[in-house]
């Protein structure tokens, strides 16, 4: 038993060291772009990381010192800010230029909607902050932690797009899923606060919104983006854009399947708490 625990700890340490090394390399590359290539627009990445780290310190100082609660609360803040930003960007674009041609290949790949670049940088900064926070407080498990893999893939895809200034609008559309992330984080915070009654009106409303946003804001939006990429594949120039986009969306859709299964199991557990309690007691 002790040997197995020790092996798991070693695997966790190796995973942590690997992802910390990749994060440091990512950070060095961002600083290189900012200072040596004069890409001052990338300072939004630094601004995002700093803002969410400050939010972490404030919550830790005045609300709770529980690392998981703090991490989840900051994640909720990010999801809220980015959701509002994405809706604002899309509505602003429609009001200024109309929806005609808004989702054409040339616009999605080569164009950049107003504030889209800054919003993507800001979100990128959050994922870097969150990766470091989870590594520091060891908020992950397994030899290949899915959450750390998820963040690493997003950081690679986002920063490559930001460096090359391509597919910015495509990536903004992928962030529509943050509407669903709001209710994922609300659920975690709510449970940590001790609100777990399945008969509560708040809990019922939360689950309705959780499922609606999972279906429409996360699953359907990512499927439509994937279909759009496949249909427009001949329009892409030779390069890394299409393979990277398809790889990223395949990963997101795969993660969505697992997330849907976890969500359904969590829903069943909350609907039948007594049954689960009896089952664990056997």
C-alpha atoms as a PDB file:
ATOM      1  CA  UNK A   1       0.000   0.000   0.000  1.00  0.00           C
ATOM      2  CA  UNK A   2       2.780   2.410   0.995  1.00  0.00           C
ATOM      3  CA  UNK A   3       4.769   1.405  -2.095  1.00  0.00           C
ATOM      4  CA  UNK A   4       1.818   2.159  -4.383  1.00  0.00           C
ATOM      5  CA  UNK A   5       1.332   5.528  -2.688  1.00  0.00           C
ATOM      6  CA  UNK A   6       5.018   6.297  -3.161  1.00  0.00           C
ATOM      7  CA  UNK A   7       4.860   5.356  -6.850  1.00  0.00           C
ATOM      8  CA  UNK A   8       1.829   7.597  -7.367  1.00  0.00           C
ATOM      9  CA  UNK A   9       3.645  10.438  -5.643  1.00  0.00           C
ATOM     10  CA  UNK A  10       6.697   9.962  -7.887  1.00  0.00           C
ATOM     11  CA  UNK A  11       4.505   9.971 -10.999  1.00  0.00           C
ATOM     12  CA  UNK A  12       2.807  13.137  -9.798  1.00  0.00           C
ATOM     13  CA  UNK A  13       6.198  14.783  -9.167  1.00  0.00           C
ATOM     14  CA  UNK A  14       7.441  13.855 -12.658  1.00  0.00           C
ATOM     15  CA  UNK A  15       4.260  15.207 -14.259  1.00  0.00           C
ATOM     16  CA  UNK A  16       4.574  18.426 -12.268  1.00  0.00           C
ATOM     17  CA  UNK A  17       8.219  18.890 -13.284  1.00  0.00           C
ATOM     18  CA  UNK A  18       7.394  18.332 -16.973  1.00  0.00           C
ATOM     19  CA  UNK A  19       4.494  20.787 -17.080  1.00  0.00           C
ATOM     20  CA  UNK A  20       6.421  23.370 -15.060  1.00  0.00           C
ATOM     21  CA  UNK A  21       9.266  23.149 -17.583  1.00  0.00           C
ATOM     22  CA  UNK A  22       6.867  23.634 -20.516  1.00  0.00           C
ATOM     23  CA  UNK A  23       5.282  26.614 -18.752  1.00  0.00           C
ATOM     24  CA  UNK A  24       8.681  28.240 -18.199  1.00  0.00           C
ATOM     25  CA  UNK A  25       9.576  27.736 -21.887  1.00  0.00           C
ATOM     26  CA  UNK A  26       6.229  29.265 -22.874  1.00  0.00           C
ATOM     27  CA  UNK A  27       6.834  32.260 -20.589  1.00  0.00           C
ATOM     28  CA  UNK A  28      10.339  32.831 -22.018  1.00  0.00           C
ATOM     29  CA  UNK A  29       8.929  32.757 -25.561  1.00  0.00           C
ATOM     30  CA  UNK A  30       6.291  35.365 -24.664  1.00  0.00           C
ATOM     31  CA  UNK A  31       8.887  37.659 -23.085  1.00  0.00           C
ATOM     32  CA  UNK A  32      11.111  37.244 -26.156  1.00  0.00           C
ATOM     33  CA  UNK A  33       8.245  38.306 -28.445  1.00  0.00           C
ATOM     34  CA  UNK A  34       7.405  41.315 -26.272  1.00  0.00           C
ATOM     35  CA  UNK A  35      10.907  42.691 -25.671  1.00  0.00           C
ATOM     36  CA  UNK A  36      12.943  41.565 -28.682  1.00  0.00           C
ATOM     37  CA  UNK A  37      10.288  41.580 -31.410  1.00  0.00           C
ATOM     38  CA  UNK A  38       8.529  44.644 -29.941  1.00  0.00           C
ATOM     39  CA  UNK A  39       5.148  42.880 -29.787  1.00  0.00           C
ATOM     40  CA  UNK A  40       3.700  45.194 -27.138  1.00  0.00           C
ATOM     41  CA  UNK A  41       0.153  44.014 -27.944  1.00  0.00           C
ATOM     42  CA  UNK A  42       1.095  40.772 -26.173  1.00  0.00           C
ATOM     43  CA  UNK A  43       1.320  42.675 -22.880  1.00  0.00           C
ATOM     44  CA  UNK A  44      -2.370  41.777 -22.507  1.00  0.00           C
ATOM     45  CA  UNK A  45      -1.127  38.254 -21.675  1.00  0.00           C
ATOM     46  CA  UNK A  46       0.931  39.629 -18.782  1.00  0.00           C
ATOM     47  CA  UNK A  47      -2.007  41.821 -17.709  1.00  0.00           C
ATOM     48  CA  UNK A  48      -4.295  38.783 -17.626  1.00  0.00           C
ATOM     49  CA  UNK A  49      -1.859  36.716 -15.564  1.00  0.00           C
ATOM     50  CA  UNK A  50      -1.309  39.561 -13.098  1.00  0.00           C
ATOM     51  CA  UNK A  51      -5.020  40.326 -12.684  1.00  0.00           C
ATOM     52  CA  UNK A  52      -5.933  36.731 -11.878  1.00  0.00           C
ATOM     53  CA  UNK A  53      -2.984  36.353  -9.516  1.00  0.00           C
ATOM     54  CA  UNK A  54      -4.132  39.494  -7.678  1.00  0.00           C
ATOM     55  CA  UNK A  55      -7.665  38.039  -7.522  1.00  0.00           C
ATOM     56  CA  UNK A  56      -6.126  34.861  -6.056  1.00  0.00           C
ATOM     57  CA  UNK A  57      -4.369  36.853  -3.307  1.00  0.00           C
ATOM     58  CA  UNK A  58      -7.528  38.834  -2.476  1.00  0.00           C
ATOM     59  CA  UNK A  59      -9.716  35.717  -2.167  1.00  0.00           C
ATOM     60  CA  UNK A  60      -7.015  33.906  -0.171  1.00  0.00           C
ATOM     61  CA  UNK A  61      -6.656  36.868   2.206  1.00  0.00           C
ATOM     62  CA  UNK A  62     -10.314  37.761   2.791  1.00  0.00           C
ATOM     63  CA  UNK A  63     -12.508  34.757   1.890  1.00  0.00           C
ATOM     64  CA  UNK A  64     -10.809  31.372   2.233  1.00  0.00           C
ATOM     65  CA  UNK A  65      -7.322  29.877   2.289  1.00  0.00           C
ATOM     66  CA  UNK A  66      -8.464  26.579   0.786  1.00  0.00           C
ATOM     67  CA  UNK A  67      -6.395  26.271  -2.453  1.00  0.00           C
ATOM     68  CA  UNK A  68      -9.189  24.489  -4.346  1.00  0.00           C
ATOM     69  CA  UNK A  69     -11.803  27.071  -3.356  1.00  0.00           C
ATOM     70  CA  UNK A  70      -9.490  29.935  -4.323  1.00  0.00           C
ATOM     71  CA  UNK A  71      -8.583  28.319  -7.643  1.00  0.00           C
ATOM     72  CA  UNK A  72     -12.223  27.623  -8.514  1.00  0.00           C
ATOM     73  CA  UNK A  73     -13.305  31.153  -7.554  1.00  0.00           C
ATOM     74  CA  UNK A  74     -10.652  32.707  -9.815  1.00  0.00           C
ATOM     75  CA  UNK A  75     -11.682  30.333 -12.616  1.00  0.00           C
ATOM     76  CA  UNK A  76     -15.266  31.536 -12.167  1.00  0.00           C
ATOM     77  CA  UNK A  77     -14.044  35.125 -12.481  1.00  0.00           C
ATOM     78  CA  UNK A  78     -12.205  34.281 -15.717  1.00  0.00           C
ATOM     79  CA  UNK A  79     -15.207  32.486 -17.230  1.00  0.00           C
ATOM     80  CA  UNK A  80     -17.457  35.439 -16.409  1.00  0.00           C
ATOM     81  CA  UNK A  81     -15.085  38.071 -17.821  1.00  0.00           C
ATOM     82  CA  UNK A  82     -14.381  36.114 -21.020  1.00  0.00           C
ATOM     83  CA  UNK A  83     -18.044  35.204 -21.575  1.00  0.00           C
ATOM     84  CA  UNK A  84     -19.055  38.862 -21.322  1.00  0.00           C
ATOM     85  CA  UNK A  85     -16.117  39.815 -23.578  1.00  0.00           C
ATOM     86  CA  UNK A  86     -16.986  37.268 -26.283  1.00  0.00           C
ATOM     87  CA  UNK A  87     -20.657  38.291 -26.318  1.00  0.00           C
ATOM     88  CA  UNK A  88     -19.606  41.963 -26.478  1.00  0.00           C
ATOM     89  CA  UNK A  89     -17.181  41.301 -29.361  1.00  0.00           C
ATOM     90  CA  UNK A  90     -19.791  39.413 -31.411  1.00  0.00           C
ATOM     91  CA  UNK A  91     -22.602  41.914 -30.761  1.00  0.00           C
ATOM     92  CA  UNK A  92     -20.289  44.874 -31.397  1.00  0.00           C
ATOM     93  CA  UNK A  93     -19.178  43.352 -34.702  1.00  0.00           C
ATOM     94  CA  UNK A  94     -22.789  42.762 -35.793  1.00  0.00           C
ATOM     95  CA  UNK A  95     -23.865  46.299 -34.873  1.00  0.00           C
ATOM     96  CA  UNK A  96     -20.911  47.983 -36.594  1.00  0.00           C
ATOM     97  CA  UNK A  97     -20.508  45.895 -39.740  1.00  0.00           C
ATOM     98  CA  UNK A  98     -23.549  43.617 -39.850  1.00  0.00           C
ATOM     99  CA  UNK A  99     -23.494  39.828 -39.775  1.00  0.00           C
ATOM    100  CA  UNK A 100     -23.004  39.454 -43.552  1.00  0.00           C
ATOM    101  CA  UNK A 101     -19.678  37.763 -44.176  1.00  0.00           C
ATOM    102  CA  UNK A 102     -18.878  37.691 -40.470  1.00  0.00           C
ATOM    103  CA  UNK A 103     -18.288  33.951 -40.496  1.00  0.00           C
ATOM    104  CA  UNK A 104     -16.644  33.729 -43.896  1.00  0.00           C
ATOM    105  CA  UNK A 105     -13.338  31.855 -44.073  1.00  0.00           C
ATOM    106  CA  UNK A 106     -11.329  35.017 -44.810  1.00  0.00           C
ATOM    107  CA  UNK A 107     -12.762  36.770 -41.748  1.00  0.00           C
ATOM    108  CA  UNK A 108     -12.292  33.831 -39.392  1.00  0.00           C
ATOM    109  CA  UNK A 109      -8.723  33.091 -40.488  1.00  0.00           C
ATOM    110  CA  UNK A 110      -7.214  36.412 -41.559  1.00  0.00           C
ATOM    111  CA  UNK A 111      -9.430  38.985 -39.878  1.00  0.00           C
ATOM    112  CA  UNK A 112      -9.503  40.203 -36.297  1.00  0.00           C
ATOM    113  CA  UNK A 113     -12.695  41.583 -34.770  1.00  0.00           C
ATOM    114  CA  UNK A 114     -12.377  44.626 -32.543  1.00  0.00           C
ATOM    115  CA  UNK A 115     -11.038  43.664 -29.082  1.00  0.00           C
ATOM    116  CA  UNK A 116     -10.712  40.001 -30.141  1.00  0.00           C
ATOM    117  CA  UNK A 117      -6.889  40.017 -29.971  1.00  0.00           C
ATOM    118  CA  UNK A 118      -6.822  41.571 -26.498  1.00  0.00           C
ATOM    119  CA  UNK A 119      -9.491  39.159 -25.207  1.00  0.00           C
ATOM    120  CA  UNK A 120      -7.557  36.140 -26.506  1.00  0.00           C
ATOM    121  CA  UNK A 121      -4.331  37.432 -24.917  1.00  0.00           C
ATOM    122  CA  UNK A 122      -6.165  38.036 -21.627  1.00  0.00           C
ATOM    123  CA  UNK A 123      -7.546  34.486 -21.615  1.00  0.00           C
ATOM    124  CA  UNK A 124      -4.104  33.139 -22.467  1.00  0.00           C
ATOM    125  CA  UNK A 125      -2.745  34.938 -19.421  1.00  0.00           C
ATOM    126  CA  UNK A 126      -5.358  33.244 -17.259  1.00  0.00           C
ATOM    127  CA  UNK A 127      -4.440  29.739 -18.466  1.00  0.00           C
ATOM    128  CA  UNK A 128      -0.786  30.434 -17.676  1.00  0.00           C
ATOM    129  CA  UNK A 129      -1.699  31.697 -14.176  1.00  0.00           C
ATOM    130  CA  UNK A 130      -4.008  28.710 -13.583  1.00  0.00           C
ATOM    131  CA  UNK A 131      -1.392  26.201 -14.731  1.00  0.00           C
ATOM    132  CA  UNK A 132       1.113  27.650 -12.274  1.00  0.00           C
ATOM    133  CA  UNK A 133      -1.442  27.760  -9.432  1.00  0.00           C
ATOM    134  CA  UNK A 134      -2.392  24.099  -9.938  1.00  0.00           C
ATOM    135  CA  UNK A 135       1.274  23.081 -10.080  1.00  0.00           C
ATOM    136  CA  UNK A 136       2.159  25.098  -6.963  1.00  0.00           C
ATOM    137  CA  UNK A 137      -0.718  23.706  -4.866  1.00  0.00           C
ATOM    138  CA  UNK A 138      -0.693  20.275  -6.598  1.00  0.00           C
ATOM    139  CA  UNK A 139      -4.336  20.542  -7.648  1.00  0.00           C
ATOM    140  CA  UNK A 140      -4.047  17.663 -10.107  1.00  0.00           C
ATOM    141  CA  UNK A 141      -3.777  13.882 -10.076  1.00  0.00           C
ATOM    142  CA  UNK A 142      -2.331  11.070 -12.172  1.00  0.00           C
ATOM    143  CA  UNK A 143       0.819  10.699 -14.252  1.00  0.00           C
ATOM    144  CA  UNK A 144      -0.807  12.548 -17.178  1.00  0.00           C
ATOM    145  CA  UNK A 145      -3.199  15.086 -15.577  1.00  0.00           C
ATOM    146  CA  UNK A 146      -5.913  15.935 -18.104  1.00  0.00           C
ATOM    147  CA  UNK A 147      -6.360  19.489 -16.800  1.00  0.00           C
ATOM    148  CA  UNK A 148      -2.650  20.270 -17.238  1.00  0.00           C
ATOM    149  CA  UNK A 149      -2.665  18.734 -20.736  1.00  0.00           C
ATOM    150  CA  UNK A 150      -5.755  20.812 -21.584  1.00  0.00           C
ATOM    151  CA  UNK A 151      -4.082  24.045 -20.462  1.00  0.00           C
ATOM    152  CA  UNK A 152      -0.841  23.235 -22.268  1.00  0.00           C
ATOM    153  CA  UNK A 153      -2.660  22.556 -25.565  1.00  0.00           C
ATOM    154  CA  UNK A 154      -4.602  25.820 -25.243  1.00  0.00           C
ATOM    155  CA  UNK A 155      -1.467  27.818 -24.459  1.00  0.00           C
ATOM    156  CA  UNK A 156       0.326  26.378 -27.499  1.00  0.00           C
ATOM    157  CA  UNK A 157      -2.619  26.921 -29.859  1.00  0.00           C
ATOM    158  CA  UNK A 158      -3.444  30.406 -28.549  1.00  0.00           C
ATOM    159  CA  UNK A 159       0.101  31.763 -28.516  1.00  0.00           C
ATOM    160  CA  UNK A 160       0.987  30.407 -31.973  1.00  0.00           C
ATOM    161  CA  UNK A 161      -2.138  32.096 -33.344  1.00  0.00           C
ATOM    162  CA  UNK A 162      -1.279  35.331 -31.511  1.00  0.00           C
ATOM    163  CA  UNK A 163       2.328  35.287 -32.750  1.00  0.00           C
ATOM    164  CA  UNK A 164       1.223  34.738 -36.374  1.00  0.00           C
ATOM    165  CA  UNK A 165      -1.944  36.863 -36.038  1.00  0.00           C
ATOM    166  CA  UNK A 166      -4.128  34.215 -37.706  1.00  0.00           C
ATOM    167  CA  UNK A 167      -7.364  32.381 -36.740  1.00  0.00           C
ATOM    168  CA  UNK A 168      -7.972  34.915 -33.939  1.00  0.00           C
ATOM    169  CA  UNK A 169     -11.705  35.050 -34.684  1.00  0.00           C
ATOM    170  CA  UNK A 170     -11.929  31.248 -34.812  1.00  0.00           C
ATOM    171  CA  UNK A 171     -10.393  31.042 -31.351  1.00  0.00           C
ATOM    172  CA  UNK A 172     -12.757  33.700 -30.011  1.00  0.00           C
ATOM    173  CA  UNK A 173     -15.658  31.499 -31.150  1.00  0.00           C
ATOM    174  CA  UNK A 174     -14.192  28.522 -29.274  1.00  0.00           C
ATOM    175  CA  UNK A 175     -14.330  30.641 -26.102  1.00  0.00           C
ATOM    176  CA  UNK A 176     -18.147  30.722 -26.269  1.00  0.00           C
ATOM    177  CA  UNK A 177     -17.835  27.556 -24.157  1.00  0.00           C
ATOM    178  CA  UNK A 178     -16.839  29.750 -21.201  1.00  0.00           C
ATOM    179  CA  UNK A 179     -20.563  30.431 -20.756  1.00  0.00           C
ATOM    180  CA  UNK A 180     -20.859  26.808 -19.671  1.00  0.00           C
ATOM    181  CA  UNK A 181     -17.700  27.000 -17.560  1.00  0.00           C
ATOM    182  CA  UNK A 182     -19.443  29.640 -15.432  1.00  0.00           C
ATOM    183  CA  UNK A 183     -21.979  27.071 -14.221  1.00  0.00           C
ATOM    184  CA  UNK A 184     -19.352  24.345 -13.794  1.00  0.00           C
ATOM    185  CA  UNK A 185     -17.452  26.612 -11.420  1.00  0.00           C
ATOM    186  CA  UNK A 186     -20.639  27.861  -9.724  1.00  0.00           C
ATOM    187  CA  UNK A 187     -21.528  24.249  -8.967  1.00  0.00           C
ATOM    188  CA  UNK A 188     -18.117  23.561  -7.391  1.00  0.00           C
ATOM    189  CA  UNK A 189     -18.211  26.736  -5.311  1.00  0.00           C
ATOM    190  CA  UNK A 190     -21.806  26.041  -4.277  1.00  0.00           C
ATOM    191  CA  UNK A 191     -20.935  22.516  -3.091  1.00  0.00           C
ATOM    192  CA  UNK A 192     -17.855  23.747  -1.215  1.00  0.00           C
ATOM    193  CA  UNK A 193     -20.147  26.293   0.465  1.00  0.00           C
ATOM    194  CA  UNK A 194     -22.342  23.394   1.656  1.00  0.00           C
ATOM    195  CA  UNK A 195     -25.361  24.006  -0.612  1.00  0.00           C
ATOM    196  CA  UNK A 196     -26.086  20.475  -1.851  1.00  0.00           C
ATOM    197  CA  UNK A 197     -29.836  19.923  -1.577  1.00  0.00           C
ATOM    198  CA  UNK A 198     -31.179  18.622  -4.911  1.00  0.00           C
ATOM    199  CA  UNK A 199     -34.629  20.007  -4.041  1.00  0.00           C
ATOM    200  CA  UNK A 200     -33.316  23.560  -3.661  1.00  0.00           C
ATOM    201  CA  UNK A 201     -34.617  25.989  -6.306  1.00  0.00           C
ATOM    202  CA  UNK A 202     -31.110  27.443  -6.715  1.00  0.00           C
ATOM    203  CA  UNK A 203     -29.648  24.007  -7.406  1.00  0.00           C
ATOM    204  CA  UNK A 204     -32.418  23.101  -9.869  1.00  0.00           C
ATOM    205  CA  UNK A 205     -32.017  26.358 -11.814  1.00  0.00           C
ATOM    206  CA  UNK A 206     -28.254  25.913 -11.822  1.00  0.00           C
ATOM    207  CA  UNK A 207     -28.559  22.403 -13.300  1.00  0.00           C
ATOM    208  CA  UNK A 208     -30.942  23.612 -16.026  1.00  0.00           C
ATOM    209  CA  UNK A 209     -28.488  26.351 -17.013  1.00  0.00           C
ATOM    210  CA  UNK A 210     -25.593  23.913 -16.690  1.00  0.00           C
ATOM    211  CA  UNK A 211     -27.126  21.484 -19.191  1.00  0.00           C
ATOM    212  CA  UNK A 212     -28.366  24.176 -21.603  1.00  0.00           C
ATOM    213  CA  UNK A 213     -24.982  25.867 -21.811  1.00  0.00           C
ATOM    214  CA  UNK A 214     -23.179  22.513 -22.037  1.00  0.00           C
ATOM    215  CA  UNK A 215     -25.295  21.518 -25.048  1.00  0.00           C
ATOM    216  CA  UNK A 216     -25.425  24.842 -26.899  1.00  0.00           C
ATOM    217  CA  UNK A 217     -22.444  26.928 -25.754  1.00  0.00           C
ATOM    218  CA  UNK A 218     -19.919  24.098 -25.483  1.00  0.00           C
ATOM    219  CA  UNK A 219     -20.825  20.951 -27.417  1.00  0.00           C
ATOM    220  CA  UNK A 220     -22.791  22.388 -30.347  1.00  0.00           C
ATOM    221  CA  UNK A 221     -20.505  25.399 -30.848  1.00  0.00           C
ATOM    222  CA  UNK A 222     -17.387  23.207 -30.939  1.00  0.00           C
ATOM    223  CA  UNK A 223     -19.006  20.723 -33.315  1.00  0.00           C
ATOM    224  CA  UNK A 224     -20.049  23.547 -35.666  1.00  0.00           C
ATOM    225  CA  UNK A 225     -16.543  25.034 -35.582  1.00  0.00           C
ATOM    226  CA  UNK A 226     -15.077  21.600 -36.417  1.00  0.00           C
ATOM    227  CA  UNK A 227     -17.520  21.154 -39.316  1.00  0.00           C
ATOM    228  CA  UNK A 228     -16.654  24.649 -40.573  1.00  0.00           C
ATOM    229  CA  UNK A 229     -12.941  23.796 -40.505  1.00  0.00           C
ATOM    230  CA  UNK A 230     -13.494  20.578 -42.468  1.00  0.00           C
ATOM    231  CA  UNK A 231     -15.736  22.266 -45.063  1.00  0.00           C
ATOM    232  CA  UNK A 232     -13.262  25.150 -45.515  1.00  0.00           C
ATOM    233  CA  UNK A 233     -10.165  22.914 -45.495  1.00  0.00           C
ATOM    234  CA  UNK A 234      -9.403  23.524 -49.232  1.00  0.00           C
ATOM    235  CA  UNK A 235      -9.376  27.292 -48.576  1.00  0.00           C
ATOM    236  CA  UNK A 236      -6.495  27.101 -46.096  1.00  0.00           C
ATOM    237  CA  UNK A 237      -3.015  27.862 -47.372  1.00  0.00           C
ATOM    238  CA  UNK A 238      -0.261  25.323 -46.806  1.00  0.00           C
ATOM    239  CA  UNK A 239       1.074  25.639 -43.289  1.00  0.00           C
ATOM    240  CA  UNK A 240       0.363  24.703 -39.693  1.00  0.00           C
ATOM    241  CA  UNK A 241      -2.935  26.591 -39.324  1.00  0.00           C
ATOM    242  CA  UNK A 242      -5.327  23.845 -40.508  1.00  0.00           C
ATOM    243  CA  UNK A 243      -3.575  20.854 -38.857  1.00  0.00           C
ATOM    244  CA  UNK A 244      -3.222  22.781 -35.606  1.00  0.00           C
ATOM    245  CA  UNK A 245      -6.864  23.922 -35.707  1.00  0.00           C
ATOM    246  CA  UNK A 246      -8.158  20.415 -36.438  1.00  0.00           C
ATOM    247  CA  UNK A 247      -5.929  18.930 -33.726  1.00  0.00           C
ATOM    248  CA  UNK A 248      -7.123  21.523 -31.221  1.00  0.00           C
ATOM    249  CA  UNK A 249     -10.803  21.028 -32.023  1.00  0.00           C
ATOM    250  CA  UNK A 250     -10.458  17.225 -31.954  1.00  0.00           C
ATOM    251  CA  UNK A 251      -8.982  17.570 -28.468  1.00  0.00           C
ATOM    252  CA  UNK A 252     -11.752  19.928 -27.351  1.00  0.00           C
ATOM    253  CA  UNK A 253     -14.502  17.641 -28.662  1.00  0.00           C
ATOM    254  CA  UNK A 254     -12.889  14.637 -26.969  1.00  0.00           C
ATOM    255  CA  UNK A 255     -12.693  16.550 -23.684  1.00  0.00           C
ATOM    256  CA  UNK A 256     -16.345  17.589 -24.105  1.00  0.00           C
ATOM    257  CA  UNK A 257     -17.413  13.924 -24.317  1.00  0.00           C
ATOM    258  CA  UNK A 258     -15.623  13.129 -21.060  1.00  0.00           C
ATOM    259  CA  UNK A 259     -17.007  16.287 -19.469  1.00  0.00           C
ATOM    260  CA  UNK A 260     -20.542  15.329 -20.505  1.00  0.00           C
ATOM    261  CA  UNK A 261     -20.151  11.879 -18.910  1.00  0.00           C
ATOM    262  CA  UNK A 262     -18.784  13.407 -15.696  1.00  0.00           C
ATOM    263  CA  UNK A 263     -21.609  15.945 -15.670  1.00  0.00           C
ATOM    264  CA  UNK A 264     -24.262  13.247 -16.095  1.00  0.00           C
ATOM    265  CA  UNK A 265     -22.747  11.153 -13.279  1.00  0.00           C
ATOM    266  CA  UNK A 266     -22.628  14.213 -11.011  1.00  0.00           C
ATOM    267  CA  UNK A 267     -26.257  14.976 -11.859  1.00  0.00           C
ATOM    268  CA  UNK A 268     -27.305  11.423 -10.928  1.00  0.00           C
ATOM    269  CA  UNK A 269     -25.390  11.589  -7.643  1.00  0.00           C
ATOM    270  CA  UNK A 270     -27.039  14.857  -6.639  1.00  0.00           C
ATOM    271  CA  UNK A 271     -30.502  13.603  -7.590  1.00  0.00           C
ATOM    272  CA  UNK A 272     -30.074  10.403  -5.562  1.00  0.00           C
ATOM    273  CA  UNK A 273     -27.850  11.291  -2.592  1.00  0.00           C
ATOM    274  CA  UNK A 274     -29.443   8.669  -0.297  1.00  0.00           C
ATOM    275  CA  UNK A 275     -28.891   5.884  -2.819  1.00  0.00           C
ATOM    276  CA  UNK A 276     -25.237   6.840  -3.211  1.00  0.00           C
ATOM    277  CA  UNK A 277     -24.823   7.041   0.562  1.00  0.00           C
ATOM    278  CA  UNK A 278     -26.300   3.531   0.992  1.00  0.00           C
ATOM    279  CA  UNK A 279     -24.125   2.215  -1.811  1.00  0.00           C
ATOM    280  CA  UNK A 280     -20.939   3.554  -0.196  1.00  0.00           C
ATOM    281  CA  UNK A 281     -21.986   2.065   3.089  1.00  0.00           C
ATOM    282  CA  UNK A 282     -22.167  -1.465   1.702  1.00  0.00           C
END
